[in-house]
Amino acid sequence: KNVDATVKKAVSSGAKLLRPVEDQFYGDRSGAVVDPFGHVWYVATHVEDVSPKEMKKRMAAMCTHKPGTCDGVHA
């Protein structure tokens, strides 16, 4: 359940951080690491239920505030 602690422990054990842990527009909190053997691990937990209407609103806001993240996506 504690994504932050899991990713922190993985990094302190030799994994490299690929994507920092952060809340996602669709209601999960997630991050990614690559272990010393080259395996990529995505760690996530569900933190809130997001309605389709709210998800569309959040995705549009993300695409506006993070140029390049939504290339090819129609929000």
Protein backbone atom coordinates (compact mmCIF):
# COMPACT_ATOMS: atom_id res chain seq x y z
CA LYS A 1 0.00 0.00 0.00
CA ASN A 2 2.85 2.42 0.65
CA VAL A 3 4.23 3.12 -2.82
CA ASP A 4 6.61 5.79 -1.55
CA ALA A 5 8.24 3.45 0.97
CA THR A 6 8.44 0.58 -1.54
CA VAL A 7 10.15 2.71 -4.20
CA LYS A 8 12.49 4.25 -1.61
CA LYS A 9 13.48 0.77 -0.36
CA ALA A 10 14.06 -0.44 -3.93
CA VAL A 11 16.33 2.52 -4.69
CA SER A 12 18.26 2.08 -1.45
CA SER A 13 18.73 -1.59 -2.41
CA GLY A 14 20.28 -0.76 -5.79
CA ALA A 15 17.39 0.00 -8.15
CA LYS A 16 17.44 3.15 -10.29
CA LEU A 17 14.49 5.52 -10.24
CA LEU A 18 12.76 5.73 -13.63
CA ARG A 19 9.70 7.72 -12.65
CA PRO A 20 9.23 9.42 -9.29
CA VAL A 21 6.18 8.51 -7.23
CA GLU A 22 3.29 10.90 -7.79
CA ASP A 23 -0.48 11.00 -7.86
CA GLN A 24 -1.93 10.19 -11.28
CA PHE A 25 -4.97 11.85 -12.87
CA TYR A 26 -6.85 8.54 -12.91
CA GLY A 27 -6.72 8.02 -9.13
CA ASP A 28 -3.57 5.96 -8.54
CA ARG A 29 -0.27 6.87 -6.90
CA SER A 30 2.62 5.30 -8.78
CA GLY A 31 6.29 5.30 -9.67
CA ALA A 32 8.78 3.10 -11.51
CA VAL A 33 12.25 1.67 -10.91
CA VAL A 34 14.64 -0.60 -12.78
CA ASP A 35 16.40 -3.26 -10.73
CA PRO A 36 20.11 -4.16 -11.06
CA PHE A 37 19.18 -6.97 -13.49
CA GLY A 38 17.38 -4.61 -15.86
CA HIS A 39 13.82 -5.51 -14.90
CA VAL A 40 11.42 -2.56 -14.82
CA TRP A 41 9.00 -2.44 -11.90
CA TYR A 42 5.94 -0.21 -11.78
CA VAL A 43 4.63 0.24 -8.25
CA ALA A 44 1.15 1.63 -7.73
CA THR A 45 -1.80 1.80 -5.39
CA HIS A 46 -5.31 3.09 -5.88
CA VAL A 47 -5.93 6.22 -3.78
CA GLU A 48 -9.26 7.56 -5.08
CA ASP A 49 -12.14 6.72 -7.37
CA VAL A 50 -12.36 9.22 -10.23
CA SER A 51 -15.51 9.61 -12.32
CA PRO A 52 -15.13 9.55 -16.12
CA LYS A 53 -16.08 13.24 -16.26
CA GLU A 54 -13.45 14.20 -13.66
CA MET A 55 -10.84 11.98 -15.32
CA LYS A 56 -11.36 13.74 -18.65
CA LYS A 57 -11.04 17.13 -16.91
CA ARG A 58 -7.82 16.08 -15.15
CA MET A 59 -6.33 14.64 -18.32
CA ALA A 60 -7.02 17.88 -20.21
CA ALA A 61 -5.36 19.86 -17.40
CA MET A 62 -2.34 17.54 -17.40
CA CYS A 63 -1.95 17.89 -21.18
CA THR A 64 -2.06 21.67 -20.82
CA HIS A 65 0.48 21.83 -17.96
CA LYS A 66 2.90 19.13 -19.14
CA PRO A 67 3.55 19.71 -22.86
CA GLY A 68 4.59 16.56 -24.71
CA THR A 69 2.94 14.12 -22.30
CA CYS A 70 -0.24 13.84 -24.31
CA ASP A 71 1.08 13.69 -27.87
CA GLY A 72 -1.33 11.53 -29.84
CA VAL A 73 -3.93 11.49 -27.05
CA HIS A 74 -7.28 13.13 -27.55
CA ALA A 75 -8.55 14.40 -24.21
